Amino acid sequence: MLELYHHGSSVCAAKVRLALAEKGLDWDGHYLDILKGDQFAPEYRKLNPKAVVPTLVHDGAVIVESTVICEYLNEVFPDPPLIPADPVQRAKMRCWTKAVDEEVHRACGPLTFMASHRHTLMRLGPEKLEEFLQSTPADSVTSDWNVRKRGYIEQGFDAPDASRIVHLYDRYLAKMEADLADGPWLAGDAYTLADAGMTPYLARLDMLQMQAMWTESRPRVADWYDRIRARPSYAEAIDRWIPDHLRNDLNTFGAQSWPSVRDILAAA
């Protein structure tokens, strides 16, 4: 039996749901509201000491780290394959999944907190917000995530590294545009974990009303995202899991934040 601990706004959880959907696998879900702190519950931290989602439990075996989970699913359930047979394309796919883990993800969380989540969390009130912040373990998304997250919530786009984060995200959109010149998908001629890996990060920009980062000057990325959204896995893995209240916050606060992002990009 496959069990997935996940949340609607988690890009990492969305990546795993995409892999599950593309493979047509059945799974039981445990939904954790990470904006209320469900992930800090002691029983969950026994499964995932970093207090992040997703966590996969397969017949009692606990698998953590979204990219590792996706590769695990491909190994245990090989059809249809989401990793290329060709070694060159496989290496290209892994360069993308590595970049998602090491760089793109580290830009997405801060951007989301600066643009939207900070406003959602402030509704908790000062005491509950402080409890939420204090509950974040030192070793979480990054080794200093608890400190950085506080800064993004308190300072928004006045945070010291706001410009670097926005430009990092934008650079990977530019890299997508370049790589898509070689084929319809990020690692070549077939949909792979590279495409599943990047999909939630464009979906996040889409929900934040920041589509202009690719629609105005990156036609290959725009075409790729249109094709991604047309796949049944997109509705199954992403659209159905975003609660209306969260989607409304991302849409509303993201649109309000877009001028700050646009100004940062224009200042390059």
C-alpha atoms as a PDB file:
ATOM      1  CA  MET A   1       0.000   0.000   0.000  1.00  0.00           C
ATOM      2  CA  LEU A   2       1.176   3.508  -0.878  1.00  0.00           C
ATOM      3  CA  GLU A   3       0.554   6.280   1.651  1.00  0.00           C
ATOM      4  CA  LEU A   4       1.505   9.901   1.008  1.00  0.00           C
ATOM      5  CA  TYR A   5       1.772  12.645   3.603  1.00  0.00           C
ATOM      6  CA  HIS A   6       1.284  15.863   1.656  1.00  0.00           C
ATOM      7  CA  HIS A   7      -0.228  19.357   1.375  1.00  0.00           C
ATOM      8  CA  GLY A   8      -1.829  21.287  -1.470  1.00  0.00           C
ATOM      9  CA  SER A   9       0.648  24.158  -1.535  1.00  0.00           C
ATOM     10  CA  SER A  10       3.774  21.994  -1.280  1.00  0.00           C
ATOM     11  CA  VAL A  11       5.621  21.989  -4.603  1.00  0.00           C
ATOM     12  CA  CYS A  12       7.565  18.923  -3.479  1.00  0.00           C
ATOM     13  CA  ALA A  13       4.385  17.026  -2.676  1.00  0.00           C
ATOM     14  CA  ALA A  14       2.940  18.077  -6.036  1.00  0.00           C
ATOM     15  CA  LYS A  15       5.974  16.608  -7.785  1.00  0.00           C
ATOM     16  CA  VAL A  16       5.337  13.223  -6.156  1.00  0.00           C
ATOM     17  CA  ARG A  17       1.610  13.389  -6.897  1.00  0.00           C
ATOM     18  CA  LEU A  18       2.517  14.020 -10.551  1.00  0.00           C
ATOM     19  CA  ALA A  19       4.687  10.903 -10.639  1.00  0.00           C
ATOM     20  CA  LEU A  20       1.899   8.869  -9.017  1.00  0.00           C
ATOM     21  CA  ALA A  21      -0.657  10.226 -11.495  1.00  0.00           C
ATOM     22  CA  GLU A  22       1.547   9.664 -14.544  1.00  0.00           C
ATOM     23  CA  LYS A  23       1.978   6.044 -13.464  1.00  0.00           C
ATOM     24  CA  GLY A  24      -1.698   5.590 -12.658  1.00  0.00           C
ATOM     25  CA  LEU A  25      -0.968   4.430  -9.102  1.00  0.00           C
ATOM     26  CA  ASP A  26      -3.524   4.314  -6.312  1.00  0.00           C
ATOM     27  CA  TRP A  27      -2.513   5.811  -2.983  1.00  0.00           C
ATOM     28  CA  ASP A  28      -3.939   6.828   0.371  1.00  0.00           C
ATOM     29  CA  GLY A  29      -3.345  10.399   1.454  1.00  0.00           C
ATOM     30  CA  HIS A  30      -2.645  12.000   4.819  1.00  0.00           C
ATOM     31  CA  TYR A  31      -3.219  15.718   4.347  1.00  0.00           C
ATOM     32  CA  LEU A  32      -1.107  17.960   6.582  1.00  0.00           C
ATOM     33  CA  ASP A  33      -1.879  21.680   6.700  1.00  0.00           C
ATOM     34  CA  ILE A  34       1.656  23.042   6.725  1.00  0.00           C
ATOM     35  CA  LEU A  35       0.397  26.618   7.129  1.00  0.00           C
ATOM     36  CA  LYS A  36      -1.138  25.614  10.455  1.00  0.00           C
ATOM     37  CA  GLY A  37       1.852  23.590  11.622  1.00  0.00           C
ATOM     38  CA  ASP A  38       0.516  20.025  11.260  1.00  0.00           C
ATOM     39  CA  GLN A  39       3.976  18.944  10.103  1.00  0.00           C
ATOM     40  CA  PHE A  40       5.440  19.718  13.522  1.00  0.00           C
ATOM     41  CA  ALA A  41       3.390  17.046  15.303  1.00  0.00           C
ATOM     42  CA  PRO A  42       5.727  14.611  17.134  1.00  0.00           C
ATOM     43  CA  GLU A  43       4.203  11.567  15.456  1.00  0.00           C
ATOM     44  CA  TYR A  44       4.900  13.017  12.013  1.00  0.00           C
ATOM     45  CA  ARG A  45       8.431  14.089  12.906  1.00  0.00           C
ATOM     46  CA  LYS A  46       9.168  10.450  13.719  1.00  0.00           C
ATOM     47  CA  LEU A  47       8.558   9.787  10.012  1.00  0.00           C
ATOM     48  CA  ASN A  48      10.200  12.965   8.715  1.00  0.00           C
ATOM     49  CA  PRO A  49      12.588  14.647  11.193  1.00  0.00           C
ATOM     50  CA  LYS A  50      12.866  17.720   8.938  1.00  0.00           C
ATOM     51  CA  ALA A  51       9.121  18.345   9.448  1.00  0.00           C
ATOM     52  CA  VAL A  52       8.486  18.822   5.741  1.00  0.00           C
ATOM     53  CA  VAL A  53       6.261  17.118   3.187  1.00  0.00           C
ATOM     54  CA  PRO A  54       6.041  14.829   1.321  1.00  0.00           C
ATOM     55  CA  THR A  55       6.728  11.525   3.014  1.00  0.00           C
ATOM     56  CA  LEU A  56       5.895   8.259   1.257  1.00  0.00           C
ATOM     57  CA  VAL A  57       5.194   5.068   3.195  1.00  0.00           C
ATOM     58  CA  HIS A  58       5.176   1.951   1.012  1.00  0.00           C
ATOM     59  CA  ASP A  59       4.242  -1.288   2.763  1.00  0.00           C
ATOM     60  CA  GLY A  60       5.759   0.111   5.976  1.00  0.00           C
ATOM     61  CA  ALA A  61       8.961   1.469   4.383  1.00  0.00           C
ATOM     62  CA  VAL A  62       9.377   5.225   4.897  1.00  0.00           C
ATOM     63  CA  ILE A  63      10.806   7.176   1.943  1.00  0.00           C
ATOM     64  CA  VAL A  64      11.595  10.886   2.230  1.00  0.00           C
ATOM     65  CA  GLU A  65      12.895  13.626  -0.130  1.00  0.00           C
ATOM     66  CA  SER A  66      10.639  14.210  -3.122  1.00  0.00           C
ATOM     67  CA  THR A  67      13.207  13.496  -5.848  1.00  0.00           C
ATOM     68  CA  VAL A  68      14.228  10.283  -4.099  1.00  0.00           C
ATOM     69  CA  ILE A  69      10.555   9.322  -3.793  1.00  0.00           C
ATOM     70  CA  CYS A  70       9.990   9.898  -7.519  1.00  0.00           C
ATOM     71  CA  GLU A  71      12.985   7.768  -8.481  1.00  0.00           C
ATOM     72  CA  TYR A  72      11.857   5.095  -6.023  1.00  0.00           C
ATOM     73  CA  LEU A  73       8.406   5.012  -7.607  1.00  0.00           C
ATOM     74  CA  ASN A  74       9.973   4.667 -11.055  1.00  0.00           C
ATOM     75  CA  GLU A  75      12.094   1.745  -9.890  1.00  0.00           C
ATOM     76  CA  VAL A  76       9.302  -0.111  -8.087  1.00  0.00           C
ATOM     77  CA  PHE A  77       6.654   0.663 -10.731  1.00  0.00           C
ATOM     78  CA  PRO A  78       8.656   0.927 -13.980  1.00  0.00           C
ATOM     79  CA  ASP A  79       5.753   1.389 -16.433  1.00  0.00           C
ATOM     80  CA  PRO A  80       5.322   3.866 -17.903  1.00  0.00           C
ATOM     81  CA  PRO A  81       8.957   4.934 -17.478  1.00  0.00           C
ATOM     82  CA  LEU A  82       9.655   8.475 -16.277  1.00  0.00           C
ATOM     83  CA  ILE A  83      13.433   8.151 -16.619  1.00  0.00           C
ATOM     84  CA  PRO A  84      14.939   8.011 -20.144  1.00  0.00           C
ATOM     85  CA  ALA A  85      16.584   4.831 -21.392  1.00  0.00           C
ATOM     86  CA  ASP A  86      19.175   6.874 -23.295  1.00  0.00           C
ATOM     87  CA  PRO A  87      22.131   7.665 -20.989  1.00  0.00           C
ATOM     88  CA  VAL A  88      22.618  11.193 -22.349  1.00  0.00           C
ATOM     89  CA  GLN A  89      18.967  12.088 -21.887  1.00  0.00           C
ATOM     90  CA  ARG A  90      19.012  10.420 -18.473  1.00  0.00           C
ATOM     91  CA  ALA A  91      21.971  12.582 -17.447  1.00  0.00           C
ATOM     92  CA  LYS A  92      20.165  15.680 -18.713  1.00  0.00           C
ATOM     93  CA  MET A  93      17.086  14.730 -16.718  1.00  0.00           C
ATOM     94  CA  ARG A  94      19.166  14.331 -13.559  1.00  0.00           C
ATOM     95  CA  CYS A  95      20.819  17.710 -14.095  1.00  0.00           C
ATOM     96  CA  TRP A  96      17.323  19.195 -14.016  1.00  0.00           C
ATOM     97  CA  THR A  97      16.166  17.273 -10.946  1.00  0.00           C
ATOM     98  CA  LYS A  98      19.422  18.234  -9.196  1.00  0.00           C
ATOM     99  CA  ALA A  99      18.904  21.894 -10.090  1.00  0.00           C
ATOM    100  CA  VAL A 100      15.333  21.770  -8.791  1.00  0.00           C
ATOM    101  CA  ASP A 101      16.527  20.424  -5.441  1.00  0.00           C
ATOM    102  CA  GLU A 102      19.563  22.628  -5.044  1.00  0.00           C
ATOM    103  CA  GLU A 103      18.429  25.945  -6.506  1.00  0.00           C
ATOM    104  CA  VAL A 104      14.894  26.299  -7.866  1.00  0.00           C
ATOM    105  CA  HIS A 105      13.275  24.982  -4.688  1.00  0.00           C
ATOM    106  CA  ARG A 106      15.343  27.350  -2.584  1.00  0.00           C
ATOM    107  CA  ALA A 107      13.927  30.235  -4.595  1.00  0.00           C
ATOM    108  CA  CYS A 108      10.310  29.044  -4.669  1.00  0.00           C
ATOM    109  CA  GLY A 109       9.758  28.850  -0.915  1.00  0.00           C
ATOM    110  CA  PRO A 110      11.115  32.336  -0.186  1.00  0.00           C
ATOM    111  CA  LEU A 111       9.248  33.866  -3.134  1.00  0.00           C
ATOM    112  CA  THR A 112       5.990  32.251  -1.990  1.00  0.00           C
ATOM    113  CA  PHE A 113       6.436  33.447   1.577  1.00  0.00           C
ATOM    114  CA  MET A 114       7.360  36.970   0.502  1.00  0.00           C
ATOM    115  CA  ALA A 115       4.502  37.228  -1.982  1.00  0.00           C
ATOM    116  CA  SER A 116       1.658  35.382  -0.265  1.00  0.00           C
ATOM    117  CA  HIS A 117       2.205  33.038   2.682  1.00  0.00           C
ATOM    118  CA  ARG A 118       3.320  35.871   4.966  1.00  0.00           C
ATOM    119  CA  HIS A 119      -0.148  37.395   4.696  1.00  0.00           C
ATOM    120  CA  THR A 120      -1.855  34.033   5.288  1.00  0.00           C
ATOM    121  CA  LEU A 121       0.273  33.293   8.353  1.00  0.00           C
ATOM    122  CA  MET A 122      -0.257  36.711   9.893  1.00  0.00           C
ATOM    123  CA  ARG A 123      -3.904  35.768  10.325  1.00  0.00           C
ATOM    124  CA  LEU A 124      -2.757  33.370  13.030  1.00  0.00           C
ATOM    125  CA  GLY A 125      -2.111  36.320  15.324  1.00  0.00           C
ATOM    126  CA  PRO A 126       1.206  37.183  17.047  1.00  0.00           C
ATOM    127  CA  GLU A 127       1.238  34.293  19.529  1.00  0.00           C
ATOM    128  CA  LYS A 128       0.314  31.538  17.075  1.00  0.00           C
ATOM    129  CA  LEU A 129       2.664  32.967  14.438  1.00  0.00           C
ATOM    130  CA  GLU A 130       5.553  32.941  16.886  1.00  0.00           C
ATOM    131  CA  GLU A 131       4.681  29.372  17.876  1.00  0.00           C
ATOM    132  CA  PHE A 132       4.685  28.422  14.188  1.00  0.00           C
ATOM    133  CA  LEU A 133       8.090  30.039  13.647  1.00  0.00           C
ATOM    134  CA  GLN A 134       9.615  28.517  16.770  1.00  0.00           C
ATOM    135  CA  SER A 135       8.442  25.046  15.714  1.00  0.00           C
ATOM    136  CA  THR A 136      10.493  25.026  12.507  1.00  0.00           C
ATOM    137  CA  PRO A 137      13.549  22.792  13.109  1.00  0.00           C
ATOM    138  CA  ALA A 138      16.974  24.264  12.443  1.00  0.00           C
ATOM    139  CA  ASP A 139      17.657  21.606   9.777  1.00  0.00           C
ATOM    140  CA  SER A 140      14.603  21.804   7.516  1.00  0.00           C
ATOM    141  CA  VAL A 141      14.372  23.038   3.912  1.00  0.00           C
ATOM    142  CA  THR A 142      17.874  24.457   4.432  1.00  0.00           C
ATOM    143  CA  SER A 143      20.116  24.489   7.494  1.00  0.00           C
ATOM    144  CA  ASP A 144      19.025  28.068   8.269  1.00  0.00           C
ATOM    145  CA  TRP A 145      15.419  27.916   7.053  1.00  0.00           C
ATOM    146  CA  ASN A 146      13.929  28.783  10.433  1.00  0.00           C
ATOM    147  CA  VAL A 147      15.821  32.108  10.479  1.00  0.00           C
ATOM    148  CA  ARG A 148      15.285  32.912   6.808  1.00  0.00           C
ATOM    149  CA  LYS A 149      11.569  32.100   6.921  1.00  0.00           C
ATOM    150  CA  ARG A 150      11.096  34.571   9.763  1.00  0.00           C
ATOM    151  CA  GLY A 151      12.769  37.246   7.650  1.00  0.00           C
ATOM    152  CA  TYR A 152      10.569  36.614   4.629  1.00  0.00           C
ATOM    153  CA  ILE A 153       7.429  36.765   6.755  1.00  0.00           C
ATOM    154  CA  GLU A 154       8.451  39.900   8.598  1.00  0.00           C
ATOM    155  CA  GLN A 155      10.134  41.798   5.734  1.00  0.00           C
ATOM    156  CA  GLY A 156       8.545  40.569   2.520  1.00  0.00           C
ATOM    157  CA  PHE A 157      10.382  41.897  -0.530  1.00  0.00           C
ATOM    158  CA  ASP A 158      12.534  44.067   1.738  1.00  0.00           C
ATOM    159  CA  ALA A 159      14.359  40.892   2.796  1.00  0.00           C
ATOM    160  CA  PRO A 160      18.093  41.192   2.004  1.00  0.00           C
ATOM    161  CA  ASP A 161      18.164  38.378  -0.556  1.00  0.00           C
ATOM    162  CA  ALA A 162      14.828  39.109  -2.267  1.00  0.00           C
ATOM    163  CA  SER A 163      16.470  40.288  -5.492  1.00  0.00           C
ATOM    164  CA  ARG A 164      18.774  37.266  -5.691  1.00  0.00           C
ATOM    165  CA  ILE A 165      15.828  34.901  -5.239  1.00  0.00           C
ATOM    166  CA  VAL A 166      13.734  36.502  -7.984  1.00  0.00           C
ATOM    167  CA  HIS A 167      16.648  36.502 -10.430  1.00  0.00           C
ATOM    168  CA  LEU A 168      17.518  32.873  -9.617  1.00  0.00           C
ATOM    169  CA  TYR A 169      13.975  31.807 -10.493  1.00  0.00           C
ATOM    170  CA  ASP A 170      14.111  33.854 -13.687  1.00  0.00           C
ATOM    171  CA  ARG A 171      17.445  32.325 -14.737  1.00  0.00           C
ATOM    172  CA  TYR A 172      15.934  28.852 -14.657  1.00  0.00           C
ATOM    173  CA  LEU A 173      13.052  29.969 -16.839  1.00  0.00           C
ATOM    174  CA  ALA A 174      15.704  31.190 -19.282  1.00  0.00           C
ATOM    175  CA  LYS A 175      17.461  27.810 -19.054  1.00  0.00           C
ATOM    176  CA  MET A 176      14.171  26.052 -19.765  1.00  0.00           C
ATOM    177  CA  GLU A 177      13.692  28.187 -22.864  1.00  0.00           C
ATOM    178  CA  ALA A 178      17.171  27.233 -24.082  1.00  0.00           C
ATOM    179  CA  ASP A 179      16.862  23.501 -23.360  1.00  0.00           C
ATOM    180  CA  LEU A 180      13.438  23.247 -24.995  1.00  0.00           C
ATOM    181  CA  ALA A 181      15.079  24.213 -28.289  1.00  0.00           C
ATOM    182  CA  ASP A 182      16.434  20.623 -28.371  1.00  0.00           C
ATOM    183  CA  GLY A 183      13.077  18.892 -28.043  1.00  0.00           C
ATOM    184  CA  PRO A 184       9.530  19.132 -26.753  1.00  0.00           C
ATOM    185  CA  TRP A 185      10.489  18.104 -23.195  1.00  0.00           C
ATOM    186  CA  LEU A 186      13.237  19.190 -20.832  1.00  0.00           C
ATOM    187  CA  ALA A 187      15.304  16.015 -21.224  1.00  0.00           C
ATOM    188  CA  GLY A 188      14.554  15.292 -24.876  1.00  0.00           C
ATOM    189  CA  ASP A 189      11.710  13.650 -26.745  1.00  0.00           C
ATOM    190  CA  ALA A 190       9.679  12.221 -23.842  1.00  0.00           C
ATOM    191  CA  TYR A 191       8.070  13.452 -20.633  1.00  0.00           C
ATOM    192  CA  THR A 192      10.318  12.580 -17.676  1.00  0.00           C
ATOM    193  CA  LEU A 193      10.920  13.399 -14.026  1.00  0.00           C
ATOM    194  CA  ALA A 194      12.600  16.586 -15.242  1.00  0.00           C
ATOM    195  CA  ASP A 195       9.231  17.846 -16.491  1.00  0.00           C
ATOM    196  CA  ALA A 196       7.398  16.562 -13.417  1.00  0.00           C
ATOM    197  CA  GLY A 197      10.026  18.267 -11.281  1.00  0.00           C
ATOM    198  CA  MET A 198       9.683  21.712 -12.840  1.00  0.00           C
ATOM    199  CA  THR A 199       5.909  21.666 -13.274  1.00  0.00           C
ATOM    200  CA  PRO A 200       5.000  22.667  -9.678  1.00  0.00           C
ATOM    201  CA  TYR A 201       7.385  25.613  -9.825  1.00  0.00           C
ATOM    202  CA  LEU A 202       5.708  27.103 -12.870  1.00  0.00           C
ATOM    203  CA  ALA A 203       2.323  26.248 -11.410  1.00  0.00           C
ATOM    204  CA  ARG A 204       3.335  28.270  -8.343  1.00  0.00           C
ATOM    205  CA  LEU A 205       4.194  31.316 -10.465  1.00  0.00           C
ATOM    206  CA  ASP A 206       0.931  30.805 -12.335  1.00  0.00           C
ATOM    207  CA  MET A 207      -1.059  30.799  -9.086  1.00  0.00           C
ATOM    208  CA  LEU A 208       0.824  33.896  -7.938  1.00  0.00           C
ATOM    209  CA  GLN A 209      -0.283  35.649 -11.141  1.00  0.00           C
ATOM    210  CA  MET A 210       3.318  35.983 -12.341  1.00  0.00           C
ATOM    211  CA  GLN A 211       2.895  34.270 -15.719  1.00  0.00           C
ATOM    212  CA  ALA A 212       4.490  37.256 -17.470  1.00  0.00           C
ATOM    213  CA  MET A 213       7.856  35.811 -16.443  1.00  0.00           C
ATOM    214  CA  TRP A 214       7.452  33.441 -19.407  1.00  0.00           C
ATOM    215  CA  THR A 215       4.450  34.524 -21.477  1.00  0.00           C
ATOM    216  CA  GLU A 216       6.019  37.802 -22.611  1.00  0.00           C
ATOM    217  CA  SER A 217       9.375  36.556 -23.879  1.00  0.00           C
ATOM    218  CA  ARG A 218       9.736  32.761 -23.607  1.00  0.00           C
ATOM    219  CA  PRO A 219       7.486  31.084 -26.188  1.00  0.00           C
ATOM    220  CA  ARG A 220       8.956  27.590 -25.749  1.00  0.00           C
ATOM    221  CA  VAL A 221       8.287  27.683 -22.014  1.00  0.00           C
ATOM    222  CA  ALA A 222       4.760  28.965 -22.678  1.00  0.00           C
ATOM    223  CA  ASP A 223       4.127  26.104 -25.119  1.00  0.00           C
ATOM    224  CA  TRP A 224       5.627  23.550 -22.690  1.00  0.00           C
ATOM    225  CA  TYR A 225       3.409  24.772 -19.854  1.00  0.00           C
ATOM    226  CA  ASP A 226       0.305  24.661 -22.055  1.00  0.00           C
ATOM    227  CA  ARG A 227       1.085  21.041 -22.918  1.00  0.00           C
ATOM    228  CA  ILE A 228       1.808  20.235 -19.272  1.00  0.00           C
ATOM    229  CA  ARG A 229      -1.551  21.654 -18.205  1.00  0.00           C
ATOM    230  CA  ALA A 230      -3.304  19.597 -20.882  1.00  0.00           C
ATOM    231  CA  ARG A 231      -2.003  16.337 -19.394  1.00  0.00           C
ATOM    232  CA  PRO A 232      -4.519  14.576 -17.111  1.00  0.00           C
ATOM    233  CA  SER A 233      -1.863  14.406 -14.383  1.00  0.00           C
ATOM    234  CA  TYR A 234      -1.935  18.195 -13.940  1.00  0.00           C
ATOM    235  CA  ALA A 235      -5.549  18.353 -12.828  1.00  0.00           C
ATOM    236  CA  GLU A 236      -5.161  15.179 -10.765  1.00  0.00           C
ATOM    237  CA  ALA A 237      -1.924  16.142  -9.005  1.00  0.00           C
ATOM    238  CA  ILE A 238      -2.097  19.923  -8.749  1.00  0.00           C
ATOM    239  CA  ASP A 239      -5.484  21.526  -9.385  1.00  0.00           C
ATOM    240  CA  ARG A 240      -7.565  19.224  -7.199  1.00  0.00           C
ATOM    241  CA  TRP A 241      -5.340  19.660  -4.143  1.00  0.00           C
ATOM    242  CA  ILE A 242      -5.296  23.464  -3.841  1.00  0.00           C
ATOM    243  CA  PRO A 243      -8.039  24.470  -1.377  1.00  0.00           C
ATOM    244  CA  ASP A 244     -10.121  27.416  -2.553  1.00  0.00           C
ATOM    245  CA  HIS A 245      -9.026  29.632   0.348  1.00  0.00           C
ATOM    246  CA  LEU A 246      -5.365  28.953  -0.389  1.00  0.00           C
ATOM    247  CA  ARG A 247      -5.782  29.472  -4.137  1.00  0.00           C
ATOM    248  CA  ASN A 248      -7.535  32.765  -3.425  1.00  0.00           C
ATOM    249  CA  ASP A 249      -4.664  33.901  -1.190  1.00  0.00           C
ATOM    250  CA  LEU A 250      -2.026  32.934  -3.759  1.00  0.00           C
ATOM    251  CA  ASN A 251      -3.961  34.674  -6.548  1.00  0.00           C
ATOM    252  CA  THR A 252      -4.763  37.828  -4.567  1.00  0.00           C
ATOM    253  CA  PHE A 253      -1.516  38.401  -2.701  1.00  0.00           C
ATOM    254  CA  GLY A 254       0.574  37.230  -5.651  1.00  0.00           C
ATOM    255  CA  ALA A 255      -1.071  39.785  -7.944  1.00  0.00           C
ATOM    256  CA  GLN A 256      -0.430  42.471  -5.349  1.00  0.00           C
ATOM    257  CA  SER A 257       3.232  41.404  -5.169  1.00  0.00           C
ATOM    258  CA  TRP A 258       3.839  41.197  -8.923  1.00  0.00           C
ATOM    259  CA  PRO A 259       4.864  44.894  -9.229  1.00  0.00           C
ATOM    260  CA  SER A 260       7.672  44.257  -6.703  1.00  0.00           C
ATOM    261  CA  VAL A 261       8.878  41.225  -8.694  1.00  0.00           C
ATOM    262  CA  ARG A 262       8.567  43.097 -11.991  1.00  0.00           C
ATOM    263  CA  ASP A 263      10.624  45.988 -10.599  1.00  0.00           C
ATOM    264  CA  ILE A 264      13.352  43.624  -9.408  1.00  0.00           C
ATOM    265  CA  LEU A 265      13.542  42.004 -12.847  1.00  0.00           C
ATOM    266  CA  ALA A 266      13.577  45.384 -14.586  1.00  0.00           C
ATOM    267  CA  ALA A 267      16.450  46.569 -12.406  1.00  0.00           C
ATOM    268  CA  ALA A 268      18.773  43.827 -13.665  1.00  0.00           C
END
